[in-house]
Amino acid sequence: MTEQGDDSSPRGWYTRGYLPHYDAGASRAQFITCRLYDSLPQSVLDRIRREIEVRKPEDVKRETLILAEKYLDRGYGQCFLRRRVVAEVVRDALKKYDGERYRLFAWVVMPNHVHFLLRQGPGHDLEKILHSFKSFTSLESNKRLGRSGRFWMRESFDRYIRDADHFGRAFRYVENNPVKAGLCSAPEDWEFGSAWERTQLERRHLAGDDLT
């Protein structure tokens, strides 16, 4: 039993007023999508809502996320993350606390959104992890773009990983997203993704370079 006042236990289900979220603590990995503020215009959100009303799926949240990700890949908005100086900020921020606040399994920076698969460390709240990541990258990206104002949408999409099969599918989805969106022919060709990074490390290892 958790002692009163101990806030290190998993938070479980919670909401920030729009989407339901689930924080399972260190027991489960999470598939996260953070999108830029203009990545899904109101006309697209209305289209998603109409499609959901017509389909009447059993799992509304899951179907909504699937449709949202489909439209995200069409590249709506200003796509700030397409610019190298911004993509570098986001990539470096994701990797900074890997092994400390969370374990990062897979990630990809797309033109108007970011996908990553992680498992938070014990005592680290998922909402705080995302808030820290989005706050820092918003300020730093705006600075490099010479702009101010909104950068990310306030809420992120998240799905907790149910089992090993689900983990594998989520991992492949993250790394294959640039291919699915028509941005490259193979996951390892997309520089701002874990597949590219892993391939570079493997090539260095085969070449006998010192990785220490």
N, C-alpha and C. Protein backbone atom coordinates (compact mmCIF):
# COMPACT_ATOMS: atom_id res chain seq x y z
N MET A 1 0.85 -1.20 0.00
CA MET A 1 0.00 0.00 0.00
C MET A 1 0.89 1.25 0.00
N THR A 2 0.47 2.24 -0.76
CA THR A 2 1.22 3.49 -0.83
C THR A 2 0.92 4.35 0.38
N GLU A 3 1.97 4.89 0.99
CA GLU A 3 1.77 5.73 2.16
C GLU A 3 1.15 7.06 1.75
N GLN A 4 0.36 7.62 2.65
CA GLN A 4 -0.27 8.90 2.38
C GLN A 4 0.80 9.96 2.14
N GLY A 5 0.59 10.74 1.06
CA GLY A 5 1.53 11.79 0.72
C GLY A 5 2.58 11.34 -0.28
N ASP A 6 2.63 10.03 -0.60
CA ASP A 6 3.57 9.52 -1.60
C ASP A 6 2.96 9.73 -2.98
N ASP A 7 3.56 10.61 -3.79
CA ASP A 7 3.01 10.91 -5.11
C ASP A 7 3.76 10.20 -6.22
N SER A 8 4.52 9.13 -5.87
CA SER A 8 5.30 8.42 -6.88
C SER A 8 4.52 7.30 -7.53
N SER A 9 3.32 6.98 -7.06
CA SER A 9 2.52 5.91 -7.64
C SER A 9 1.91 6.36 -8.96
N PRO A 10 1.61 5.40 -9.87
CA PRO A 10 1.01 5.76 -11.16
C PRO A 10 -0.27 6.56 -10.97
N ARG A 11 -0.47 7.51 -11.84
CA ARG A 11 -1.61 8.41 -11.71
C ARG A 11 -2.91 7.79 -12.22
N GLY A 12 -2.80 6.86 -13.18
CA GLY A 12 -4.01 6.26 -13.76
C GLY A 12 -4.67 7.21 -14.75
N TRP A 13 -5.98 7.08 -14.88
CA TRP A 13 -6.72 7.93 -15.83
C TRP A 13 -6.86 9.35 -15.29
N TYR A 14 -6.68 10.32 -16.20
CA TYR A 14 -6.91 11.72 -15.85
C TYR A 14 -7.25 12.48 -17.12
N THR A 15 -7.72 13.69 -16.99
CA THR A 15 -8.05 14.51 -18.15
C THR A 15 -7.63 15.95 -17.90
N ARG A 16 -7.31 16.65 -18.98
CA ARG A 16 -7.00 18.07 -18.90
C ARG A 16 -8.12 18.88 -19.54
N GLY A 17 -9.27 18.25 -19.71
CA GLY A 17 -10.43 18.96 -20.20
C GLY A 17 -10.85 18.61 -21.60
N TYR A 18 -10.01 17.88 -22.36
CA TYR A 18 -10.37 17.56 -23.73
C TYR A 18 -10.21 16.07 -24.01
N LEU A 19 -8.99 15.55 -23.84
CA LEU A 19 -8.73 14.14 -24.12
C LEU A 19 -8.48 13.37 -22.83
N PRO A 20 -8.92 12.11 -22.77
CA PRO A 20 -8.56 11.27 -21.62
C PRO A 20 -7.13 10.77 -21.77
N HIS A 21 -6.40 10.69 -20.67
CA HIS A 21 -5.02 10.21 -20.68
C HIS A 21 -4.87 9.13 -19.61
N TYR A 22 -3.86 8.29 -19.80
CA TYR A 22 -3.62 7.22 -18.83
C TYR A 22 -2.13 7.17 -18.49
N ASP A 23 -1.81 7.39 -17.22
CA ASP A 23 -0.44 7.33 -16.73
C ASP A 23 -0.29 6.05 -15.93
N ALA A 24 0.42 5.08 -16.50
CA ALA A 24 0.59 3.78 -15.85
C ALA A 24 1.91 3.68 -15.10
N GLY A 25 2.62 4.80 -14.98
CA GLY A 25 3.90 4.77 -14.29
C GLY A 25 4.92 3.99 -15.09
N ALA A 26 5.85 3.36 -14.39
CA ALA A 26 6.94 2.65 -15.05
C ALA A 26 6.54 1.25 -15.50
N SER A 27 5.28 0.86 -15.29
CA SER A 27 4.86 -0.49 -15.61
C SER A 27 4.53 -0.69 -17.08
N ARG A 28 4.26 0.39 -17.82
CA ARG A 28 3.88 0.26 -19.22
C ARG A 28 4.54 1.35 -20.06
N ALA A 29 4.85 1.00 -21.31
CA ALA A 29 5.34 2.00 -22.25
C ALA A 29 4.16 2.83 -22.76
N GLN A 30 4.47 3.97 -23.30
CA GLN A 30 3.45 4.88 -23.83
C GLN A 30 3.84 5.31 -25.24
N PHE A 31 2.83 5.36 -26.11
CA PHE A 31 3.01 5.88 -27.47
C PHE A 31 2.45 7.29 -27.48
N ILE A 32 3.32 8.28 -27.68
CA ILE A 32 2.94 9.69 -27.56
C ILE A 32 3.02 10.39 -28.92
N THR A 33 2.05 11.25 -29.18
CA THR A 33 2.09 12.13 -30.35
C THR A 33 1.89 13.56 -29.89
N CYS A 34 2.87 14.42 -30.18
CA CYS A 34 2.75 15.86 -29.94
C CYS A 34 2.64 16.54 -31.30
N ARG A 35 1.65 17.41 -31.48
CA ARG A 35 1.45 18.04 -32.78
C ARG A 35 1.50 19.55 -32.66
N LEU A 36 1.93 20.20 -33.73
CA LEU A 36 1.98 21.64 -33.76
C LEU A 36 0.57 22.23 -33.72
N TYR A 37 0.47 23.45 -33.25
CA TYR A 37 -0.83 24.06 -32.99
C TYR A 37 -1.70 24.18 -34.23
N ASP A 38 -1.10 24.27 -35.42
CA ASP A 38 -1.88 24.45 -36.64
C ASP A 38 -1.90 23.21 -37.52
N SER A 39 -1.54 22.06 -36.94
CA SER A 39 -1.40 20.84 -37.74
C SER A 39 -2.73 20.21 -38.15
N LEU A 40 -3.79 20.49 -37.40
CA LEU A 40 -5.12 19.98 -37.74
C LEU A 40 -6.10 21.14 -37.70
N PRO A 41 -6.32 21.81 -38.83
CA PRO A 41 -7.25 22.94 -38.87
C PRO A 41 -8.66 22.53 -38.47
N GLN A 42 -9.48 23.50 -38.10
CA GLN A 42 -10.83 23.21 -37.65
C GLN A 42 -11.63 22.44 -38.71
N SER A 43 -11.39 22.75 -39.97
CA SER A 43 -12.11 22.04 -41.04
C SER A 43 -11.79 20.55 -41.03
N VAL A 44 -10.54 20.21 -40.70
CA VAL A 44 -10.14 18.81 -40.62
C VAL A 44 -10.72 18.15 -39.38
N LEU A 45 -10.71 18.86 -38.26
CA LEU A 45 -11.31 18.33 -37.03
C LEU A 45 -12.80 18.05 -37.24
N ASP A 46 -13.48 18.95 -37.96
CA ASP A 46 -14.90 18.74 -38.25
C ASP A 46 -15.09 17.51 -39.13
N ARG A 47 -14.17 17.30 -40.07
CA ARG A 47 -14.23 16.12 -40.95
C ARG A 47 -14.05 14.85 -40.14
N ILE A 48 -13.10 14.86 -39.20
CA ILE A 48 -12.88 13.70 -38.35
C ILE A 48 -14.13 13.40 -37.53
N ARG A 49 -14.73 14.46 -36.97
CA ARG A 49 -15.94 14.29 -36.16
C ARG A 49 -17.06 13.66 -36.99
N ARG A 50 -17.24 14.13 -38.23
CA ARG A 50 -18.29 13.58 -39.09
C ARG A 50 -18.02 12.13 -39.43
N GLU A 51 -16.75 11.79 -39.68
CA GLU A 51 -16.41 10.40 -39.99
C GLU A 51 -16.70 9.49 -38.80
N ILE A 52 -16.41 9.96 -37.61
CA ILE A 52 -16.69 9.18 -36.40
C ILE A 52 -18.19 8.99 -36.24
N GLU A 53 -18.96 10.02 -36.49
CA GLU A 53 -20.42 9.93 -36.37
C GLU A 53 -21.00 8.93 -37.35
N VAL A 54 -20.43 8.85 -38.54
CA VAL A 54 -20.90 7.92 -39.56
C VAL A 54 -20.49 6.49 -39.22
N ARG A 55 -19.26 6.31 -38.81
CA ARG A 55 -18.74 4.96 -38.54
C ARG A 55 -19.28 4.38 -37.24
N LYS A 56 -19.49 5.24 -36.26
CA LYS A 56 -19.94 4.80 -34.93
C LYS A 56 -19.06 3.65 -34.40
N PRO A 57 -17.74 3.86 -34.29
CA PRO A 57 -16.85 2.79 -33.82
C PRO A 57 -17.09 2.46 -32.35
N GLU A 58 -16.72 1.26 -31.98
CA GLU A 58 -16.86 0.84 -30.59
C GLU A 58 -15.88 1.59 -29.70
N ASP A 59 -14.65 1.77 -30.19
CA ASP A 59 -13.63 2.51 -29.45
C ASP A 59 -13.45 3.87 -30.12
N VAL A 60 -14.18 4.86 -29.65
CA VAL A 60 -14.17 6.18 -30.28
C VAL A 60 -12.80 6.84 -30.18
N LYS A 61 -12.17 6.74 -29.00
CA LYS A 61 -10.86 7.38 -28.82
C LYS A 61 -9.84 6.81 -29.80
N ARG A 62 -9.77 5.48 -29.90
CA ARG A 62 -8.79 4.85 -30.79
C ARG A 62 -9.04 5.25 -32.24
N GLU A 63 -10.28 5.24 -32.67
CA GLU A 63 -10.59 5.59 -34.06
C GLU A 63 -10.28 7.06 -34.33
N THR A 64 -10.55 7.92 -33.35
CA THR A 64 -10.25 9.34 -33.51
C THR A 64 -8.75 9.56 -33.68
N LEU A 65 -7.94 8.86 -32.89
CA LEU A 65 -6.48 8.98 -32.99
C LEU A 65 -5.98 8.48 -34.34
N ILE A 66 -6.56 7.38 -34.82
CA ILE A 66 -6.15 6.84 -36.12
C ILE A 66 -6.43 7.85 -37.24
N LEU A 67 -7.61 8.44 -37.20
CA LEU A 67 -7.96 9.43 -38.22
C LEU A 67 -7.09 10.68 -38.10
N ALA A 68 -6.84 11.11 -36.86
CA ALA A 68 -6.01 12.30 -36.65
C ALA A 68 -4.61 12.08 -37.22
N GLU A 69 -4.04 10.90 -36.97
CA GLU A 69 -2.69 10.61 -37.47
C GLU A 69 -2.66 10.54 -38.99
N LYS A 70 -3.75 10.05 -39.59
CA LYS A 70 -3.83 10.02 -41.05
C LYS A 70 -3.77 11.43 -41.63
N TYR A 71 -4.52 12.35 -41.02
CA TYR A 71 -4.54 13.72 -41.52
C TYR A 71 -3.25 14.48 -41.18
N LEU A 72 -2.62 14.13 -40.06
CA LEU A 72 -1.34 14.76 -39.72
C LEU A 72 -0.30 14.52 -40.81
N ASP A 73 -0.30 13.32 -41.37
CA ASP A 73 0.69 12.97 -42.38
C ASP A 73 0.49 13.73 -43.69
N ARG A 74 -0.62 14.43 -43.84
CA ARG A 74 -0.85 15.20 -45.05
C ARG A 74 -0.16 16.57 -45.01
N GLY A 75 0.44 16.90 -43.85
CA GLY A 75 1.28 18.07 -43.77
C GLY A 75 0.57 19.40 -43.70
N TYR A 76 -0.52 19.47 -42.94
CA TYR A 76 -1.22 20.74 -42.76
C TYR A 76 -0.37 21.68 -41.89
N GLY A 77 -0.65 22.97 -42.01
CA GLY A 77 0.01 23.96 -41.18
C GLY A 77 1.36 24.42 -41.74
N GLN A 78 2.07 25.20 -40.94
CA GLN A 78 3.35 25.76 -41.38
C GLN A 78 4.51 24.77 -41.29
N CYS A 79 4.30 23.65 -40.63
CA CYS A 79 5.30 22.58 -40.58
C CYS A 79 6.68 23.08 -40.14
N PHE A 80 6.71 23.75 -39.00
CA PHE A 80 7.96 24.28 -38.48
C PHE A 80 9.03 23.20 -38.29
N LEU A 81 8.60 21.97 -38.00
CA LEU A 81 9.56 20.91 -37.71
C LEU A 81 10.29 20.43 -38.95
N ARG A 82 9.88 20.91 -40.11
CA ARG A 82 10.59 20.57 -41.34
C ARG A 82 11.94 21.30 -41.41
N ARG A 83 12.05 22.38 -40.64
CA ARG A 83 13.29 23.17 -40.64
C ARG A 83 14.32 22.52 -39.72
N ARG A 84 15.50 22.33 -40.23
CA ARG A 84 16.54 21.61 -39.49
C ARG A 84 16.79 22.20 -38.11
N VAL A 85 16.88 23.53 -38.02
CA VAL A 85 17.22 24.14 -36.73
C VAL A 85 16.17 23.84 -35.67
N VAL A 86 14.93 23.66 -36.09
CA VAL A 86 13.85 23.34 -35.16
C VAL A 86 13.83 21.84 -34.86
N ALA A 87 13.99 21.03 -35.90
CA ALA A 87 14.02 19.58 -35.71
C ALA A 87 15.14 19.18 -34.76
N GLU A 88 16.27 19.88 -34.83
CA GLU A 88 17.39 19.58 -33.94
C GLU A 88 17.04 19.88 -32.48
N VAL A 89 16.33 20.97 -32.26
CA VAL A 89 15.90 21.31 -30.90
C VAL A 89 15.03 20.20 -30.33
N VAL A 90 14.06 19.75 -31.11
CA VAL A 90 13.12 18.72 -30.65
C VAL A 90 13.83 17.39 -30.45
N ARG A 91 14.65 17.00 -31.39
CA ARG A 91 15.41 15.75 -31.26
C ARG A 91 16.27 15.75 -30.00
N ASP A 92 17.03 16.81 -29.81
CA ASP A 92 17.94 16.87 -28.66
C ASP A 92 17.20 16.89 -27.33
N ALA A 93 16.04 17.56 -27.32
CA ALA A 93 15.24 17.61 -26.09
C ALA A 93 14.67 16.24 -25.76
N LEU A 94 14.25 15.50 -26.77
CA LEU A 94 13.74 14.14 -26.54
C LEU A 94 14.82 13.24 -25.95
N LYS A 95 16.02 13.34 -26.47
CA LYS A 95 17.10 12.45 -26.07
C LYS A 95 17.76 12.85 -24.75
N LYS A 96 17.57 14.11 -24.34
CA LYS A 96 18.29 14.63 -23.19
C LYS A 96 18.05 13.82 -21.92
N TYR A 97 16.83 13.43 -21.66
CA TYR A 97 16.51 12.73 -20.41
C TYR A 97 16.28 11.23 -20.59
N ASP A 98 16.68 10.72 -21.77
CA ASP A 98 16.60 9.29 -21.99
C ASP A 98 17.55 8.59 -21.03
N GLY A 99 17.04 7.63 -20.27
CA GLY A 99 17.84 6.94 -19.28
C GLY A 99 17.80 7.58 -17.92
N GLU A 100 17.14 8.74 -17.82
CA GLU A 100 17.02 9.42 -16.54
C GLU A 100 15.54 9.53 -16.14
N ARG A 101 14.78 10.32 -16.88
CA ARG A 101 13.36 10.46 -16.58
C ARG A 101 12.53 9.37 -17.25
N TYR A 102 13.08 8.81 -18.33
CA TYR A 102 12.35 7.80 -19.09
C TYR A 102 13.31 7.00 -19.95
N ARG A 103 12.82 5.88 -20.47
CA ARG A 103 13.55 5.08 -21.46
C ARG A 103 12.89 5.34 -22.80
N LEU A 104 13.66 5.83 -23.75
CA LEU A 104 13.14 6.17 -25.07
C LEU A 104 13.44 5.02 -26.02
N PHE A 105 12.39 4.38 -26.55
CA PHE A 105 12.56 3.21 -27.41
C PHE A 105 12.60 3.59 -28.89
N ALA A 106 11.74 4.49 -29.30
CA ALA A 106 11.68 4.90 -30.71
C ALA A 106 11.14 6.31 -30.78
N TRP A 107 11.56 7.05 -31.80
CA TRP A 107 11.09 8.43 -31.95
C TRP A 107 11.25 8.87 -33.40
N VAL A 108 10.45 9.85 -33.80
CA VAL A 108 10.58 10.44 -35.12
C VAL A 108 10.02 11.86 -35.09
N VAL A 109 10.75 12.77 -35.73
CA VAL A 109 10.31 14.16 -35.84
C VAL A 109 9.78 14.35 -37.25
N MET A 110 8.48 14.53 -37.37
CA MET A 110 7.82 14.75 -38.65
C MET A 110 7.64 16.25 -38.89
N PRO A 111 7.21 16.68 -40.09
CA PRO A 111 7.09 18.12 -40.36
C PRO A 111 6.17 18.88 -39.42
N ASN A 112 5.06 18.26 -38.98
CA ASN A 112 4.13 18.98 -38.10
C ASN A 112 3.76 18.23 -36.84
N HIS A 113 4.47 17.15 -36.53
CA HIS A 113 4.21 16.41 -35.30
C HIS A 113 5.40 15.54 -34.94
N VAL A 114 5.38 15.00 -33.74
CA VAL A 114 6.43 14.13 -33.24
C VAL A 114 5.78 12.89 -32.63
N HIS A 115 6.32 11.73 -32.97
CA HIS A 115 5.90 10.47 -32.34
C HIS A 115 7.06 9.96 -31.49
N PHE A 116 6.77 9.42 -30.32
CA PHE A 116 7.81 8.73 -29.58
C PHE A 116 7.19 7.67 -28.67
N LEU A 117 7.98 6.64 -28.47
CA LEU A 117 7.59 5.49 -27.64
C LEU A 117 8.53 5.46 -26.45
N LEU A 118 7.97 5.57 -25.25
CA LEU A 118 8.82 5.62 -24.06
C LEU A 118 8.17 4.90 -22.88
N ARG A 119 8.98 4.66 -21.88
CA ARG A 119 8.47 4.20 -20.59
C ARG A 119 9.09 5.10 -19.54
N GLN A 120 8.24 5.78 -18.80
CA GLN A 120 8.74 6.73 -17.81
C GLN A 120 9.43 6.01 -16.66
N GLY A 121 10.36 6.70 -16.03
CA GLY A 121 11.06 6.14 -14.90
C GLY A 121 10.24 6.21 -13.63
N PRO A 122 10.56 5.41 -12.63
CA PRO A 122 9.84 5.46 -11.36
C PRO A 122 9.84 6.86 -10.76
N GLY A 123 8.68 7.32 -10.33
CA GLY A 123 8.57 8.62 -9.71
C GLY A 123 8.46 9.79 -10.67
N HIS A 124 8.47 9.51 -11.97
CA HIS A 124 8.36 10.58 -12.96
C HIS A 124 6.97 10.57 -13.59
N ASP A 125 6.27 11.67 -13.42
CA ASP A 125 4.90 11.82 -13.90
C ASP A 125 4.89 12.11 -15.39
N LEU A 126 4.05 11.39 -16.15
CA LEU A 126 4.01 11.54 -17.60
C LEU A 126 3.64 12.96 -18.00
N GLU A 127 2.66 13.54 -17.35
CA GLU A 127 2.23 14.89 -17.70
C GLU A 127 3.36 15.89 -17.49
N LYS A 128 4.13 15.72 -16.43
CA LYS A 128 5.26 16.63 -16.17
C LYS A 128 6.37 16.45 -17.19
N ILE A 129 6.60 15.21 -17.60
CA ILE A 129 7.60 14.95 -18.64
C ILE A 129 7.22 15.69 -19.92
N LEU A 130 5.96 15.56 -20.33
CA LEU A 130 5.50 16.19 -21.57
C LEU A 130 5.47 17.71 -21.45
N HIS A 131 5.07 18.20 -20.29
CA HIS A 131 5.03 19.65 -20.09
C HIS A 131 6.43 20.24 -20.20
N SER A 132 7.41 19.59 -19.57
CA SER A 132 8.79 20.07 -19.62
C SER A 132 9.31 20.05 -21.06
N PHE A 133 9.07 18.97 -21.76
CA PHE A 133 9.52 18.83 -23.14
C PHE A 133 8.90 19.90 -24.04
N LYS A 134 7.60 20.09 -23.93
CA LYS A 134 6.91 21.03 -24.81
C LYS A 134 7.22 22.48 -24.46
N SER A 135 7.37 22.77 -23.18
CA SER A 135 7.69 24.14 -22.77
C SER A 135 9.06 24.56 -23.30
N PHE A 136 10.06 23.69 -23.09
CA PHE A 136 11.41 24.02 -23.54
C PHE A 136 11.48 24.14 -25.06
N THR A 137 10.94 23.14 -25.78
CA THR A 137 11.05 23.16 -27.23
C THR A 137 10.24 24.29 -27.86
N SER A 138 9.15 24.67 -27.22
CA SER A 138 8.35 25.79 -27.72
C SER A 138 9.14 27.09 -27.65
N LEU A 139 9.73 27.36 -26.49
CA LEU A 139 10.51 28.59 -26.32
C LEU A 139 11.73 28.62 -27.23
N GLU A 140 12.46 27.51 -27.26
CA GLU A 140 13.70 27.47 -28.04
C GLU A 140 13.41 27.50 -29.55
N SER A 141 12.36 26.81 -29.98
CA SER A 141 12.03 26.80 -31.41
C SER A 141 11.55 28.17 -31.87
N ASN A 142 10.71 28.80 -31.06
CA ASN A 142 10.26 30.15 -31.41
C ASN A 142 11.42 31.12 -31.51
N LYS A 143 12.39 30.96 -30.62
CA LYS A 143 13.58 31.82 -30.65
C LYS A 143 14.32 31.65 -31.97
N ARG A 144 14.49 30.42 -32.39
CA ARG A 144 15.23 30.16 -33.63
C ARG A 144 14.43 30.58 -34.87
N LEU A 145 13.12 30.57 -34.74
CA LEU A 145 12.27 30.97 -35.87
C LEU A 145 12.02 32.47 -35.90
N GLY A 146 12.40 33.17 -34.83
CA GLY A 146 12.17 34.59 -34.75
C GLY A 146 10.71 34.94 -34.63
N ARG A 147 9.98 34.13 -33.88
CA ARG A 147 8.55 34.35 -33.72
C ARG A 147 8.17 34.18 -32.25
N SER A 148 6.90 34.42 -31.94
CA SER A 148 6.37 34.18 -30.60
C SER A 148 4.97 33.61 -30.74
N GLY A 149 4.41 33.17 -29.62
CA GLY A 149 3.05 32.63 -29.66
C GLY A 149 3.01 31.13 -29.58
N ARG A 150 1.87 30.57 -29.89
CA ARG A 150 1.66 29.12 -29.77
C ARG A 150 2.58 28.35 -30.69
N PHE A 151 3.00 27.20 -30.20
CA PHE A 151 3.84 26.32 -30.99
C PHE A 151 3.21 24.92 -31.04
N TRP A 152 3.04 24.30 -29.87
CA TRP A 152 2.38 22.99 -29.78
C TRP A 152 0.90 23.15 -29.43
N MET A 153 0.13 22.14 -29.79
CA MET A 153 -1.21 22.02 -29.21
C MET A 153 -1.06 21.71 -27.73
N ARG A 154 -1.98 22.20 -26.94
CA ARG A 154 -1.88 22.05 -25.48
C ARG A 154 -1.84 20.57 -25.08
N GLU A 155 -2.69 19.76 -25.67
CA GLU A 155 -2.75 18.35 -25.30
C GLU A 155 -2.07 17.48 -26.33
N SER A 156 -1.54 16.36 -25.85
CA SER A 156 -0.92 15.37 -26.70
C SER A 156 -1.82 14.15 -26.79
N PHE A 157 -1.63 13.36 -27.83
CA PHE A 157 -2.29 12.06 -27.93
C PHE A 157 -1.39 11.03 -27.25
N ASP A 158 -1.96 10.18 -26.42
CA ASP A 158 -1.15 9.12 -25.82
C ASP A 158 -1.95 7.82 -25.76
N ARG A 159 -1.24 6.73 -25.93
CA ARG A 159 -1.83 5.39 -25.81
C ARG A 159 -0.88 4.50 -25.03
N TYR A 160 -1.35 3.90 -23.94
CA TYR A 160 -0.48 3.00 -23.20
C TYR A 160 -0.38 1.67 -23.94
N ILE A 161 0.78 1.04 -23.85
CA ILE A 161 1.05 -0.19 -24.57
C ILE A 161 0.54 -1.39 -23.77
N ARG A 162 -0.29 -2.19 -24.42
CA ARG A 162 -0.98 -3.29 -23.73
C ARG A 162 -0.08 -4.52 -23.53
N ASP A 163 0.68 -4.89 -24.58
CA ASP A 163 1.47 -6.12 -24.51
C ASP A 163 2.61 -6.04 -25.52
N ALA A 164 3.36 -7.13 -25.64
CA ALA A 164 4.54 -7.15 -26.52
C ALA A 164 4.17 -6.95 -27.99
N ASP A 165 3.06 -7.53 -28.41
CA ASP A 165 2.62 -7.37 -29.80
C ASP A 165 2.28 -5.91 -30.09
N HIS A 166 1.57 -5.28 -29.17
CA HIS A 166 1.22 -3.87 -29.32
C HIS A 166 2.48 -3.01 -29.35
N PHE A 167 3.45 -3.35 -28.51
CA PHE A 167 4.72 -2.61 -28.49
C PHE A 167 5.41 -2.68 -29.85
N GLY A 168 5.46 -3.87 -30.41
CA GLY A 168 6.11 -4.05 -31.70
C GLY A 168 5.44 -3.24 -32.80
N ARG A 169 4.11 -3.24 -32.81
CA ARG A 169 3.37 -2.48 -33.82
C ARG A 169 3.59 -0.98 -33.65
N ALA A 170 3.60 -0.52 -32.40
CA ALA A 170 3.83 0.90 -32.15
C ALA A 170 5.25 1.31 -32.55
N PHE A 171 6.21 0.46 -32.23
CA PHE A 171 7.61 0.73 -32.59
C PHE A 171 7.75 0.87 -34.10
N ARG A 172 7.17 -0.08 -34.83
CA ARG A 172 7.26 -0.04 -36.30
C ARG A 172 6.52 1.17 -36.85
N TYR A 173 5.39 1.51 -36.26
CA TYR A 173 4.63 2.67 -36.73
C TYR A 173 5.45 3.95 -36.61
N VAL A 174 6.08 4.13 -35.45
CA VAL A 174 6.88 5.33 -35.22
C VAL A 174 7.99 5.44 -36.27
N GLU A 175 8.78 4.38 -36.42
CA GLU A 175 9.93 4.47 -37.30
C GLU A 175 9.54 4.50 -38.78
N ASN A 176 8.40 3.92 -39.12
CA ASN A 176 7.98 3.87 -40.52
C ASN A 176 7.14 5.08 -40.94
N ASN A 177 6.83 5.97 -40.01
CA ASN A 177 5.94 7.08 -40.32
C ASN A 177 6.42 7.95 -41.49
N PRO A 178 7.73 8.28 -41.60
CA PRO A 178 8.17 9.07 -42.75
C PRO A 178 7.94 8.36 -44.09
N VAL A 179 8.07 7.05 -44.09
CA VAL A 179 7.82 6.28 -45.31
C VAL A 179 6.34 6.32 -45.65
N LYS A 180 5.51 6.09 -44.65
CA LYS A 180 4.06 6.11 -44.83
C LYS A 180 3.59 7.46 -45.35
N ALA A 181 4.24 8.54 -44.90
CA ALA A 181 3.86 9.89 -45.32
C ALA A 181 4.48 10.29 -46.66
N GLY A 182 5.27 9.39 -47.26
CA GLY A 182 5.87 9.67 -48.56
C GLY A 182 7.08 10.58 -48.52
N LEU A 183 7.75 10.65 -47.37
CA LEU A 183 8.89 11.55 -47.22
C LEU A 183 10.22 10.89 -47.53
N CYS A 184 10.25 9.56 -47.52
CA CYS A 184 11.47 8.82 -47.83
C CYS A 184 11.09 7.40 -48.21
N SER A 185 12.05 6.63 -48.65
CA SER A 185 11.74 5.26 -49.10
C SER A 185 11.99 4.20 -48.04
N ALA A 186 12.77 4.54 -47.01
CA ALA A 186 13.05 3.58 -45.93
C ALA A 186 13.21 4.35 -44.63
N PRO A 187 12.82 3.76 -43.48
CA PRO A 187 12.91 4.47 -42.20
C PRO A 187 14.29 5.02 -41.89
N GLU A 188 15.34 4.27 -42.26
CA GLU A 188 16.70 4.71 -41.94
C GLU A 188 17.17 5.87 -42.82
N ASP A 189 16.36 6.26 -43.82
CA ASP A 189 16.71 7.40 -44.66
C ASP A 189 16.27 8.74 -44.06
N TRP A 190 15.42 8.68 -43.02
CA TRP A 190 14.89 9.91 -42.42
C TRP A 190 15.79 10.30 -41.26
N GLU A 191 16.53 11.39 -41.41
CA GLU A 191 17.58 11.74 -40.45
C GLU A 191 17.06 11.96 -39.03
N PHE A 192 15.87 12.52 -38.91
CA PHE A 192 15.38 12.85 -37.57
C PHE A 192 14.46 11.74 -37.05
N GLY A 193 15.06 10.58 -36.85
CA GLY A 193 14.33 9.44 -36.34
C GLY A 193 15.27 8.42 -35.74
N SER A 194 14.74 7.57 -34.88
CA SER A 194 15.58 6.58 -34.20
C SER A 194 16.12 5.53 -35.16
N ALA A 195 15.42 5.23 -36.27
CA ALA A 195 15.91 4.24 -37.24
C ALA A 195 17.19 4.74 -37.90
N TRP A 196 17.22 6.01 -38.29
CA TRP A 196 18.42 6.60 -38.89
C TRP A 196 19.58 6.58 -37.90
N GLU A 197 19.30 6.99 -36.67
CA GLU A 197 20.35 7.05 -35.65
C GLU A 197 20.92 5.67 -35.36
N ARG A 198 20.04 4.68 -35.24
CA ARG A 198 20.50 3.32 -34.98
C ARG A 198 21.36 2.80 -36.12
N THR A 199 20.96 3.10 -37.35
CA THR A 199 21.72 2.66 -38.52
C THR A 199 23.11 3.29 -38.54
N GLN A 200 23.20 4.56 -38.17
CA GLN A 200 24.50 5.23 -38.14
C GLN A 200 25.43 4.59 -37.10
N LEU A 201 24.87 4.26 -35.94
CA LEU A 201 25.67 3.61 -34.90
C LEU A 201 26.15 2.23 -35.35
N GLU A 202 25.28 1.50 -36.04
CA GLU A 202 25.66 0.17 -36.54
C GLU A 202 26.76 0.28 -37.58
N ARG A 203 26.67 1.28 -38.44
CA ARG A 203 27.70 1.47 -39.47
C ARG A 203 29.04 1.83 -38.84
N ARG A 204 29.00 2.67 -37.82
CA ARG A 204 30.23 3.02 -37.13
C ARG A 204 30.84 1.81 -36.45
N HIS A 205 29.98 0.98 -35.88
CA HIS A 205 30.46 -0.23 -35.20
C HIS A 205 31.11 -1.19 -36.20
N LEU A 206 30.48 -1.37 -37.35
CA LEU A 206 31.03 -2.26 -38.38
C LEU A 206 32.33 -1.74 -38.95
N ALA A 207 32.44 -0.40 -38.96
CA ALA A 207 33.66 0.22 -39.47
C ALA A 207 34.80 0.19 -38.45
N GLY A 208 34.47 -0.24 -37.21
CA GLY A 208 35.49 -0.35 -36.18
C GLY A 208 35.75 0.93 -35.44
N ASP A 209 34.86 1.92 -35.59
CA ASP A 209 35.06 3.16 -34.88
C ASP A 209 34.86 2.97 -33.39
N ASP A 210 35.56 3.75 -32.59
CA ASP A 210 35.44 3.70 -31.14
C ASP A 210 34.17 4.42 -30.73
N LEU A 211 33.21 3.73 -30.11
CA LEU A 211 31.94 4.33 -29.68
C LEU A 211 31.97 4.80 -28.28
N THR A 212 33.09 4.65 -27.59
CA THR A 212 33.17 5.06 -26.19
C THR A 212 33.42 6.54 -26.08
